[in-house]
Amino acid sequence: MALDWLLRPDFLVFINVFVLQHACTSSISQSEALIKLKSSFTNTSALSSWVPGSAPCEGDAQWKGLLCSNGIVMGLRLENMGLSGKIDVDALVDIQDSGV
């Protein structure tokens, strides 16, 4: 059969290793990634709603500066908030990897 190679043990091991590696490297949550980004800024009083352990896109408690849809962070809108500092690019990657 043309798909017999999909059932070969070495292919299945490869797929399992790939899936496990991705699961292990993508373990940071959206809120953790956003808190990491917040910590790279100075003058973060505008981001006081960004509290560790809370859900970023939950109802009336949605974190300021986030664009949310169905409880998921879809983007950031941080202009005119007086934020300064050096943006942590790794935090941005973590946010993207967590679903943004």
PDB file of N, CA and C in Angstrom:
ATOM      1  N   MET A   1       0.824  -1.190   0.000  1.00  0.00           N
ATOM      2  CA  MET A   1       0.000   0.000   0.000  1.00  0.00           C
ATOM      3  C   MET A   1       0.868   1.253   0.000  1.00  0.00           C
ATOM      4  N   ALA A   2       0.365   2.323  -0.539  1.00  0.00           N
ATOM      5  CA  ALA A   2       1.130   3.561  -0.651  1.00  0.00           C
ATOM      6  C   ALA A   2       1.388   4.221   0.702  1.00  0.00           C
ATOM      7  N   LEU A   3       0.559   3.981   1.682  1.00  0.00           N
ATOM      8  CA  LEU A   3       0.708   4.618   2.996  1.00  0.00           C
ATOM      9  C   LEU A   3       1.360   3.716   4.033  1.00  0.00           C
ATOM     10  N   ASP A   4       1.931   2.600   3.610  1.00  0.00           N
ATOM     11  CA  ASP A   4       2.572   1.681   4.551  1.00  0.00           C
ATOM     12  C   ASP A   4       3.710   2.342   5.324  1.00  0.00           C
ATOM     13  N   TRP A   5       4.396   3.304   4.705  1.00  0.00           N
ATOM     14  CA  TRP A   5       5.519   3.950   5.376  1.00  0.00           C
ATOM     15  C   TRP A   5       5.074   4.748   6.600  1.00  0.00           C
ATOM     16  N   LEU A   6       3.809   5.154   6.659  1.00  0.00           N
ATOM     17  CA  LEU A   6       3.292   5.877   7.825  1.00  0.00           C
ATOM     18  C   LEU A   6       3.225   5.004   9.067  1.00  0.00           C
ATOM     19  N   LEU A   7       3.145   3.705   8.867  1.00  0.00           N
ATOM     20  CA  LEU A   7       3.024   2.785   9.993  1.00  0.00           C
ATOM     21  C   LEU A   7       4.355   2.177  10.403  1.00  0.00           C
ATOM     22  N   ARG A   8       5.436   2.554   9.751  1.00  0.00           N
ATOM     23  CA  ARG A   8       6.751   2.023  10.110  1.00  0.00           C
ATOM     24  C   ARG A   8       7.126   2.533  11.494  1.00  0.00           C
ATOM     25  N   PRO A   9       7.713   1.671  12.333  1.00  0.00           N
ATOM     26  CA  PRO A   9       8.070   2.081  13.699  1.00  0.00           C
ATOM     27  C   PRO A   9       8.997   3.293  13.754  1.00  0.00           C
ATOM     28  N   ASP A  10       9.970   3.377  12.836  1.00  0.00           N
ATOM     29  CA  ASP A  10      10.890   4.520  12.894  1.00  0.00           C
ATOM     30  C   ASP A  10      10.169   5.835  12.576  1.00  0.00           C
ATOM     31  N   PHE A  11       9.185   5.811  11.703  1.00  0.00           N
ATOM     32  CA  PHE A  11       8.401   7.015  11.410  1.00  0.00           C
ATOM     33  C   PHE A  11       7.543   7.392  12.613  1.00  0.00           C
ATOM     34  N   LEU A  12       6.946   6.408  13.259  1.00  0.00           N
ATOM     35  CA  LEU A  12       6.111   6.685  14.431  1.00  0.00           C
ATOM     36  C   LEU A  12       6.935   7.249  15.579  1.00  0.00           C
ATOM     37  N   VAL A  13       8.164   6.747  15.752  1.00  0.00           N
ATOM     38  CA  VAL A  13       9.048   7.286  16.791  1.00  0.00           C
ATOM     39  C   VAL A  13       9.383   8.742  16.473  1.00  0.00           C
ATOM     40  N   PHE A  14       9.683   9.037  15.217  1.00  0.00           N
ATOM     41  CA  PHE A  14       9.977  10.407  14.808  1.00  0.00           C
ATOM     42  C   PHE A  14       8.810  11.335  15.127  1.00  0.00           C
ATOM     43  N   ILE A  15       7.617  10.925  14.791  1.00  0.00           N
ATOM     44  CA  ILE A  15       6.432  11.747  15.051  1.00  0.00           C
ATOM     45  C   ILE A  15       6.251  11.963  16.551  1.00  0.00           C
ATOM     46  N   ASN A  16       6.408  10.915  17.340  1.00  0.00           N
ATOM     47  CA  ASN A  16       6.266  11.047  18.792  1.00  0.00           C
ATOM     48  C   ASN A  16       7.292  12.010  19.366  1.00  0.00           C
ATOM     49  N   VAL A  17       8.546  11.905  18.929  1.00  0.00           N
ATOM     50  CA  VAL A  17       9.594  12.801  19.418  1.00  0.00           C
ATOM     51  C   VAL A  17       9.283  14.238  19.011  1.00  0.00           C
ATOM     52  N   PHE A  18       8.849  14.445  17.786  1.00  0.00           N
ATOM     53  CA  PHE A  18       8.508  15.785  17.306  1.00  0.00           C
ATOM     54  C   PHE A  18       7.378  16.388  18.133  1.00  0.00           C
ATOM     55  N   VAL A  19       6.338  15.624  18.371  1.00  0.00           N
ATOM     56  CA  VAL A  19       5.192  16.116  19.137  1.00  0.00           C
ATOM     57  C   VAL A  19       5.593  16.415  20.574  1.00  0.00           C
ATOM     58  N   LEU A  20       6.360  15.545  21.196  1.00  0.00           N
ATOM     59  CA  LEU A  20       6.794  15.774  22.575  1.00  0.00           C
ATOM     60  C   LEU A  20       7.699  16.991  22.674  1.00  0.00           C
ATOM     61  N   GLN A  21       8.601  17.155  21.715  1.00  0.00           N
ATOM     62  CA  GLN A  21       9.488  18.308  21.732  1.00  0.00           C
ATOM     63  C   GLN A  21       8.684  19.593  21.623  1.00  0.00           C
ATOM     64  N   HIS A  22       7.719  19.628  20.735  1.00  0.00           N
ATOM     65  CA  HIS A  22       6.896  20.825  20.579  1.00  0.00           C
ATOM     66  C   HIS A  22       6.087  21.096  21.847  1.00  0.00           C
ATOM     67  N   ALA A  23       5.564  20.055  22.457  1.00  0.00           N
ATOM     68  CA  ALA A  23       4.781  20.225  23.686  1.00  0.00           C
ATOM     69  C   ALA A  23       5.645  20.766  24.812  1.00  0.00           C
ATOM     70  N   CYS A  24       6.884  20.317  24.898  1.00  0.00           N
ATOM     71  CA  CYS A  24       7.777  20.761  25.966  1.00  0.00           C
ATOM     72  C   CYS A  24       8.251  22.192  25.754  1.00  0.00           C
ATOM     73  N   THR A  25       8.464  22.594  24.509  1.00  0.00           N
ATOM     74  CA  THR A  25       8.965  23.939  24.262  1.00  0.00           C
ATOM     75  C   THR A  25       7.851  24.975  24.238  1.00  0.00           C
ATOM     76  N   SER A  26       6.611  24.564  24.180  1.00  0.00           N
ATOM     77  CA  SER A  26       5.489  25.499  24.124  1.00  0.00           C
ATOM     78  C   SER A  26       4.692  25.500  25.421  1.00  0.00           C
ATOM     79  N   SER A  27       5.380  25.333  26.534  1.00  0.00           N
ATOM     80  CA  SER A  27       4.675  25.161  27.793  1.00  0.00           C
ATOM     81  C   SER A  27       4.311  26.482  28.476  1.00  0.00           C
ATOM     82  N   ILE A  28       4.801  27.604  27.980  1.00  0.00           N
ATOM     83  CA  ILE A  28       4.500  28.880  28.619  1.00  0.00           C
ATOM     84  C   ILE A  28       3.093  29.334  28.210  1.00  0.00           C
ATOM     85  N   SER A  29       2.330  29.816  29.175  1.00  0.00           N
ATOM     86  CA  SER A  29       0.959  30.253  28.892  1.00  0.00           C
ATOM     87  C   SER A  29       0.960  31.678  28.346  1.00  0.00           C
ATOM     88  N   GLN A  30      -0.175  32.082  27.802  1.00  0.00           N
ATOM     89  CA  GLN A  30      -0.308  33.451  27.305  1.00  0.00           C
ATOM     90  C   GLN A  30      -0.072  34.455  28.422  1.00  0.00           C
ATOM     91  N   SER A  31      -0.657  34.214  29.576  1.00  0.00           N
ATOM     92  CA  SER A  31      -0.504  35.187  30.663  1.00  0.00           C
ATOM     93  C   SER A  31       0.950  35.273  31.119  1.00  0.00           C
ATOM     94  N   GLU A  32       1.651  34.144  31.188  1.00  0.00           N
ATOM     95  CA  GLU A  32       3.066  34.167  31.580  1.00  0.00           C
ATOM     96  C   GLU A  32       3.903  34.932  30.556  1.00  0.00           C
ATOM     97  N   ALA A  33       3.634  34.715  29.282  1.00  0.00           N
ATOM     98  CA  ALA A  33       4.375  35.409  28.229  1.00  0.00           C
ATOM     99  C   ALA A  33       4.106  36.911  28.275  1.00  0.00           C
ATOM    100  N   LEU A  34       2.865  37.294  28.535  1.00  0.00           N
ATOM    101  CA  LEU A  34       2.521  38.714  28.612  1.00  0.00           C
ATOM    102  C   LEU A  34       3.153  39.378  29.833  1.00  0.00           C
ATOM    103  N   ILE A  35       3.178  38.681  30.955  1.00  0.00           N
ATOM    104  CA  ILE A  35       3.834  39.211  32.162  1.00  0.00           C
ATOM    105  C   ILE A  35       5.327  39.381  31.905  1.00  0.00           C
ATOM    106  N   LYS A  36       5.920  38.443  31.178  1.00  0.00           N
ATOM    107  CA  LYS A  36       7.337  38.545  30.811  1.00  0.00           C
ATOM    108  C   LYS A  36       7.566  39.790  29.956  1.00  0.00           C
ATOM    109  N   LEU A  37       6.663  40.051  29.010  1.00  0.00           N
ATOM    110  CA  LEU A  37       6.769  41.255  28.181  1.00  0.00           C
ATOM    111  C   LEU A  37       6.623  42.504  29.045  1.00  0.00           C
ATOM    112  N   LYS A  38       5.646  42.509  29.934  1.00  0.00           N
ATOM    113  CA  LYS A  38       5.415  43.661  30.815  1.00  0.00           C
ATOM    114  C   LYS A  38       6.663  43.978  31.629  1.00  0.00           C
ATOM    115  N   SER A  39       7.355  42.948  32.094  1.00  0.00           N
ATOM    116  CA  SER A  39       8.537  43.172  32.931  1.00  0.00           C
ATOM    117  C   SER A  39       9.687  43.808  32.151  1.00  0.00           C
ATOM    118  N   SER A  40       9.622  43.793  30.823  1.00  0.00           N
ATOM    119  CA  SER A  40      10.680  44.428  30.036  1.00  0.00           C
ATOM    120  C   SER A  40      10.458  45.934  29.887  1.00  0.00           C
ATOM    121  N   PHE A  41       9.281  46.417  30.263  1.00  0.00           N
ATOM    122  CA  PHE A  41       8.976  47.844  30.178  1.00  0.00           C
ATOM    123  C   PHE A  41       9.259  48.529  31.509  1.00  0.00           C
ATOM    124  N   THR A  42       9.481  49.837  31.438  1.00  0.00           N
ATOM    125  CA  THR A  42       9.474  50.662  32.646  1.00  0.00           C
ATOM    126  C   THR A  42       8.196  51.494  32.574  1.00  0.00           C
ATOM    127  N   ASN A  43       7.819  52.082  33.681  1.00  0.00           N
ATOM    128  CA  ASN A  43       6.616  52.919  33.709  1.00  0.00           C
ATOM    129  C   ASN A  43       5.386  52.118  33.260  1.00  0.00           C
ATOM    130  N   THR A  44       5.107  51.031  33.961  1.00  0.00           N
ATOM    131  CA  THR A  44       4.038  50.108  33.548  1.00  0.00           C
ATOM    132  C   THR A  44       2.712  50.346  34.263  1.00  0.00           C
ATOM    133  N   SER A  45       2.497  51.528  34.806  1.00  0.00           N
ATOM    134  CA  SER A  45       1.248  51.770  35.541  1.00  0.00           C
ATOM    135  C   SER A  45       0.019  51.568  34.652  1.00  0.00           C
ATOM    136  N   ALA A  46       0.143  51.809  33.354  1.00  0.00           N
ATOM    137  CA  ALA A  46      -0.984  51.601  32.437  1.00  0.00           C
ATOM    138  C   ALA A  46      -1.336  50.122  32.290  1.00  0.00           C
ATOM    139  N   LEU A  47      -0.415  49.255  32.683  1.00  0.00           N
ATOM    140  CA  LEU A  47      -0.646  47.809  32.570  1.00  0.00           C
ATOM    141  C   LEU A  47      -0.946  47.180  33.929  1.00  0.00           C
ATOM    142  N   SER A  48      -1.534  47.947  34.826  1.00  0.00           N
ATOM    143  CA  SER A  48      -1.814  47.437  36.175  1.00  0.00           C
ATOM    144  C   SER A  48      -2.804  46.275  36.168  1.00  0.00           C
ATOM    145  N   SER A  49      -3.588  46.151  35.108  1.00  0.00           N
ATOM    146  CA  SER A  49      -4.532  45.023  35.016  1.00  0.00           C
ATOM    147  C   SER A  49      -3.836  43.714  34.650  1.00  0.00           C
ATOM    148  N   TRP A  50      -2.575  43.778  34.234  1.00  0.00           N
ATOM    149  CA  TRP A  50      -1.819  42.580  33.866  1.00  0.00           C
ATOM    150  C   TRP A  50      -1.296  41.941  35.149  1.00  0.00           C
ATOM    151  N   VAL A  51      -2.084  41.075  35.728  1.00  0.00           N
ATOM    152  CA  VAL A  51      -1.776  40.465  37.020  1.00  0.00           C
ATOM    153  C   VAL A  51      -1.473  38.980  36.827  1.00  0.00           C
ATOM    154  N   PRO A  52      -0.322  38.517  37.328  1.00  0.00           N
ATOM    155  CA  PRO A  52      -0.006  37.089  37.210  1.00  0.00           C
ATOM    156  C   PRO A  52      -1.106  36.227  37.827  1.00  0.00           C
ATOM    157  N   GLY A  53      -1.417  35.147  37.160  1.00  0.00           N
ATOM    158  CA  GLY A  53      -2.421  34.217  37.661  1.00  0.00           C
ATOM    159  C   GLY A  53      -3.838  34.521  37.215  1.00  0.00           C
ATOM    160  N   SER A  54      -4.037  35.676  36.580  1.00  0.00           N
ATOM    161  CA  SER A  54      -5.378  35.991  36.075  1.00  0.00           C
ATOM    162  C   SER A  54      -5.426  35.732  34.570  1.00  0.00           C
ATOM    163  N   ALA A  55      -6.632  35.579  34.059  1.00  0.00           N
ATOM    164  CA  ALA A  55      -6.812  35.308  32.632  1.00  0.00           C
ATOM    165  C   ALA A  55      -6.799  36.625  31.857  1.00  0.00           C
ATOM    166  N   PRO A  56      -5.956  36.736  30.828  1.00  0.00           N
ATOM    167  CA  PRO A  56      -5.833  37.998  30.095  1.00  0.00           C
ATOM    168  C   PRO A  56      -7.099  38.455  29.377  1.00  0.00           C
ATOM    169  N   CYS A  57      -7.933  37.540  28.952  1.00  0.00           N
ATOM    170  CA  CYS A  57      -9.103  37.892  28.125  1.00  0.00           C
ATOM    171  C   CYS A  57     -10.410  37.421  28.740  1.00  0.00           C
ATOM    172  N   GLU A  58     -10.560  37.593  30.031  1.00  0.00           N
ATOM    173  CA  GLU A  58     -11.749  37.077  30.701  1.00  0.00           C
ATOM    174  C   GLU A  58     -12.734  38.188  31.030  1.00  0.00           C
ATOM    175  N   GLY A  59     -13.803  38.271  30.263  1.00  0.00           N
ATOM    176  CA  GLY A  59     -14.920  39.176  30.538  1.00  0.00           C
ATOM    177  C   GLY A  59     -14.532  40.610  30.803  1.00  0.00           C
ATOM    178  N   ASP A  60     -15.102  41.168  31.880  1.00  0.00           N
ATOM    179  CA  ASP A  60     -14.852  42.560  32.251  1.00  0.00           C
ATOM    180  C   ASP A  60     -13.451  42.771  32.803  1.00  0.00           C
ATOM    181  N   ALA A  61     -12.779  41.691  33.178  1.00  0.00           N
ATOM    182  CA  ALA A  61     -11.440  41.787  33.745  1.00  0.00           C
ATOM    183  C   ALA A  61     -10.354  41.683  32.675  1.00  0.00           C
ATOM    184  N   GLN A  62     -10.722  41.909  31.411  1.00  0.00           N
ATOM    185  CA  GLN A  62      -9.748  41.815  30.312  1.00  0.00           C
ATOM    186  C   GLN A  62      -8.596  42.776  30.554  1.00  0.00           C
ATOM    187  N   TRP A  63      -7.382  42.314  30.306  1.00  0.00           N
ATOM    188  CA  TRP A  63      -6.204  43.142  30.493  1.00  0.00           C
ATOM    189  C   TRP A  63      -6.198  44.285  29.478  1.00  0.00           C
ATOM    190  N   LYS A  64      -5.860  45.479  29.956  1.00  0.00           N
ATOM    191  CA  LYS A  64      -5.808  46.664  29.100  1.00  0.00           C
ATOM    192  C   LYS A  64      -4.719  46.491  28.034  1.00  0.00           C
ATOM    193  N   GLY A  65      -5.046  46.898  26.812  1.00  0.00           N
ATOM    194  CA  GLY A  65      -4.073  46.850  25.722  1.00  0.00           C
ATOM    195  C   GLY A  65      -4.095  45.569  24.912  1.00  0.00           C
ATOM    196  N   LEU A  66      -4.995  44.649  25.254  1.00  0.00           N
ATOM    197  CA  LEU A  66      -5.085  43.391  24.511  1.00  0.00           C
ATOM    198  C   LEU A  66      -6.286  43.407  23.584  1.00  0.00           C
ATOM    199  N   LEU A  67      -6.139  42.800  22.445  1.00  0.00           N
ATOM    200  CA  LEU A  67      -7.249  42.576  21.524  1.00  0.00           C
ATOM    201  C   LEU A  67      -7.631  41.114  21.671  1.00  0.00           C
ATOM    202  N   CYS A  68      -8.832  40.850  22.163  1.00  0.00           N
ATOM    203  CA  CYS A  68      -9.260  39.490  22.473  1.00  0.00           C
ATOM    204  C   CYS A  68     -10.450  39.075  21.621  1.00  0.00           C
ATOM    205  N   SER A  69     -10.548  37.787  21.399  1.00  0.00           N
ATOM    206  CA  SER A  69     -11.692  37.210  20.705  1.00  0.00           C
ATOM    207  C   SER A  69     -11.958  35.837  21.299  1.00  0.00           C
ATOM    208  N   ASN A  70     -13.156  35.652  21.826  1.00  0.00           N
ATOM    209  CA  ASN A  70     -13.550  34.371  22.430  1.00  0.00           C
ATOM    210  C   ASN A  70     -12.557  33.890  23.486  1.00  0.00           C
ATOM    211  N   GLY A  71     -12.069  34.819  24.314  1.00  0.00           N
ATOM    212  CA  GLY A  71     -11.174  34.461  25.406  1.00  0.00           C
ATOM    213  C   GLY A  71      -9.734  34.227  25.009  1.00  0.00           C
ATOM    214  N   ILE A  72      -9.373  34.551  23.769  1.00  0.00           N
ATOM    215  CA  ILE A  72      -8.012  34.318  23.277  1.00  0.00           C
ATOM    216  C   ILE A  72      -7.393  35.652  22.871  1.00  0.00           C
ATOM    217  N   VAL A  73      -6.129  35.870  23.259  1.00  0.00           N
ATOM    218  CA  VAL A  73      -5.413  37.072  22.863  1.00  0.00           C
ATOM    219  C   VAL A  73      -5.134  36.993  21.366  1.00  0.00           C
ATOM    220  N   MET A  74      -5.601  38.001  20.641  1.00  0.00           N
ATOM    221  CA  MET A  74      -5.400  38.042  19.196  1.00  0.00           C
ATOM    222  C   MET A  74      -4.368  39.096  18.792  1.00  0.00           C
ATOM    223  N   GLY A  75      -4.092  40.039  19.688  1.00  0.00           N
ATOM    224  CA  GLY A  75      -3.128  41.081  19.364  1.00  0.00           C
ATOM    225  C   GLY A  75      -2.901  42.014  20.536  1.00  0.00           C
ATOM    226  N   LEU A  76      -1.975  42.934  20.354  1.00  0.00           N
ATOM    227  CA  LEU A  76      -1.625  43.924  21.367  1.00  0.00           C
ATOM    228  C   LEU A  76      -1.847  45.316  20.795  1.00  0.00           C
ATOM    229  N   ARG A  77      -2.339  46.216  21.635  1.00  0.00           N
ATOM    230  CA  ARG A  77      -2.491  47.624  21.258  1.00  0.00           C
ATOM    231  C   ARG A  77      -1.974  48.437  22.442  1.00  0.00           C
ATOM    232  N   LEU A  78      -0.699  48.822  22.360  1.00  0.00           N
ATOM    233  CA  LEU A  78      -0.032  49.431  23.503  1.00  0.00           C
ATOM    234  C   LEU A  78       0.386  50.878  23.268  1.00  0.00           C
ATOM    235  N   GLU A  79      -0.089  51.500  22.193  1.00  0.00           N
ATOM    236  CA  GLU A  79       0.307  52.878  21.925  1.00  0.00           C
ATOM    237  C   GLU A  79      -0.360  53.831  22.921  1.00  0.00           C
ATOM    238  N   ASN A  80       0.278  54.979  23.110  1.00  0.00           N
ATOM    239  CA  ASN A  80      -0.217  56.055  23.980  1.00  0.00           C
ATOM    240  C   ASN A  80      -0.422  55.617  25.427  1.00  0.00           C
ATOM    241  N   MET A  81       0.384  54.680  25.895  1.00  0.00           N
ATOM    242  CA  MET A  81       0.300  54.234  27.286  1.00  0.00           C
ATOM    243  C   MET A  81       1.490  54.711  28.108  1.00  0.00           C
ATOM    244  N   GLY A  82       2.396  55.442  27.495  1.00  0.00           N
ATOM    245  CA  GLY A  82       3.560  55.941  28.210  1.00  0.00           C
ATOM    246  C   GLY A  82       4.572  54.867  28.554  1.00  0.00           C
ATOM    247  N   LEU A  83       4.517  53.743  27.865  1.00  0.00           N
ATOM    248  CA  LEU A  83       5.461  52.661  28.126  1.00  0.00           C
ATOM    249  C   LEU A  83       6.822  53.010  27.548  1.00  0.00           C
ATOM    250  N   SER A  84       7.855  52.582  28.239  1.00  0.00           N
ATOM    251  CA  SER A  84       9.210  52.770  27.732  1.00  0.00           C
ATOM    252  C   SER A  84      10.037  51.576  28.167  1.00  0.00           C
ATOM    253  N   GLY A  85      11.254  51.533  27.702  1.00  0.00           N
ATOM    254  CA  GLY A  85      12.133  50.425  28.032  1.00  0.00           C
ATOM    255  C   GLY A  85      12.550  49.681  26.783  1.00  0.00           C
ATOM    256  N   LYS A  86      13.199  48.575  26.994  1.00  0.00           N
ATOM    257  CA  LYS A  86      13.692  47.745  25.898  1.00  0.00           C
ATOM    258  C   LYS A  86      12.777  46.533  25.777  1.00  0.00           C
ATOM    259  N   ILE A  87      12.126  46.387  24.627  1.00  0.00           N
ATOM    260  CA  ILE A  87      11.183  45.282  24.429  1.00  0.00           C
ATOM    261  C   ILE A  87      11.929  43.956  24.441  1.00  0.00           C
ATOM    262  N   ASP A  88      11.435  43.032  25.228  1.00  0.00           N
ATOM    263  CA  ASP A  88      11.986  41.681  25.301  1.00  0.00           C
ATOM    264  C   ASP A  88      11.457  40.883  24.109  1.00  0.00           C
ATOM    265  N   VAL A  89      12.293  40.719  23.089  1.00  0.00           N
ATOM    266  CA  VAL A  89      11.882  40.026  21.870  1.00  0.00           C
ATOM    267  C   VAL A  89      11.530  38.573  22.172  1.00  0.00           C
ATOM    268  N   ASP A  90      12.243  37.949  23.109  1.00  0.00           N
ATOM    269  CA  ASP A  90      11.920  36.565  23.490  1.00  0.00           C
ATOM    270  C   ASP A  90      10.499  36.470  24.028  1.00  0.00           C
ATOM    271  N   ALA A  91      10.073  37.485  24.768  1.00  0.00           N
ATOM    272  CA  ALA A  91       8.704  37.489  25.291  1.00  0.00           C
ATOM    273  C   ALA A  91       7.699  37.565  24.153  1.00  0.00           C
ATOM    274  N   LEU A  92       8.009  38.356  23.137  1.00  0.00           N
ATOM    275  CA  LEU A  92       7.111  38.433  21.976  1.00  0.00           C
ATOM    276  C   LEU A  92       7.006  37.084  21.271  1.00  0.00           C
ATOM    277  N   VAL A  93       8.131  36.387  21.161  1.00  0.00           N
ATOM    278  CA  VAL A  93       8.120  35.052  20.550  1.00  0.00           C
ATOM    279  C   VAL A  93       7.283  34.108  21.396  1.00  0.00           C
ATOM    280  N   ASP A  94       7.443  34.187  22.731  1.00  0.00           N
ATOM    281  CA  ASP A  94       6.655  33.331  23.625  1.00  0.00           C
ATOM    282  C   ASP A  94       5.163  33.618  23.486  1.00  0.00           C
ATOM    283  N   ILE A  95       4.806  34.892  23.324  1.00  0.00           N
ATOM    284  CA  ILE A  95       3.397  35.250  23.150  1.00  0.00           C
ATOM    285  C   ILE A  95       2.875  34.648  21.853  1.00  0.00           C
ATOM    286  N   GLN A  96       3.653  34.784  20.800  1.00  0.00           N
ATOM    287  CA  GLN A  96       3.241  34.228  19.507  1.00  0.00           C
ATOM    288  C   GLN A  96       3.129  32.712  19.592  1.00  0.00           C
ATOM    289  N   ASP A  97       4.104  32.055  20.230  1.00  0.00           N
ATOM    290  CA  ASP A  97       4.075  30.595  20.346  1.00  0.00           C
ATOM    291  C   ASP A  97       2.919  30.103  21.198  1.00  0.00           C
ATOM    292  N   SER A  98       2.424  30.979  22.091  1.00  0.00           N
ATOM    293  CA  SER A  98       1.323  30.556  22.948  1.00  0.00           C
ATOM    294  C   SER A  98      -0.044  30.787  22.324  1.00  0.00           C
ATOM    295  N   GLY A  99      -0.054  31.318  21.118  1.00  0.00           N
ATOM    296  CA  GLY A  99      -1.329  31.415  20.425  1.00  0.00           C
ATOM    297  C   GLY A  99      -1.700  32.733  19.822  1.00  0.00           C
ATOM    298  N   VAL A 100      -0.932  33.775  20.020  1.00  0.00           N
ATOM    299  CA  VAL A 100      -1.284  35.078  19.451  1.00  0.00           C
ATOM    300  C   VAL A 100      -0.904  35.109  17.998  1.00  0.00           C
TER     301      VAL A 100
END
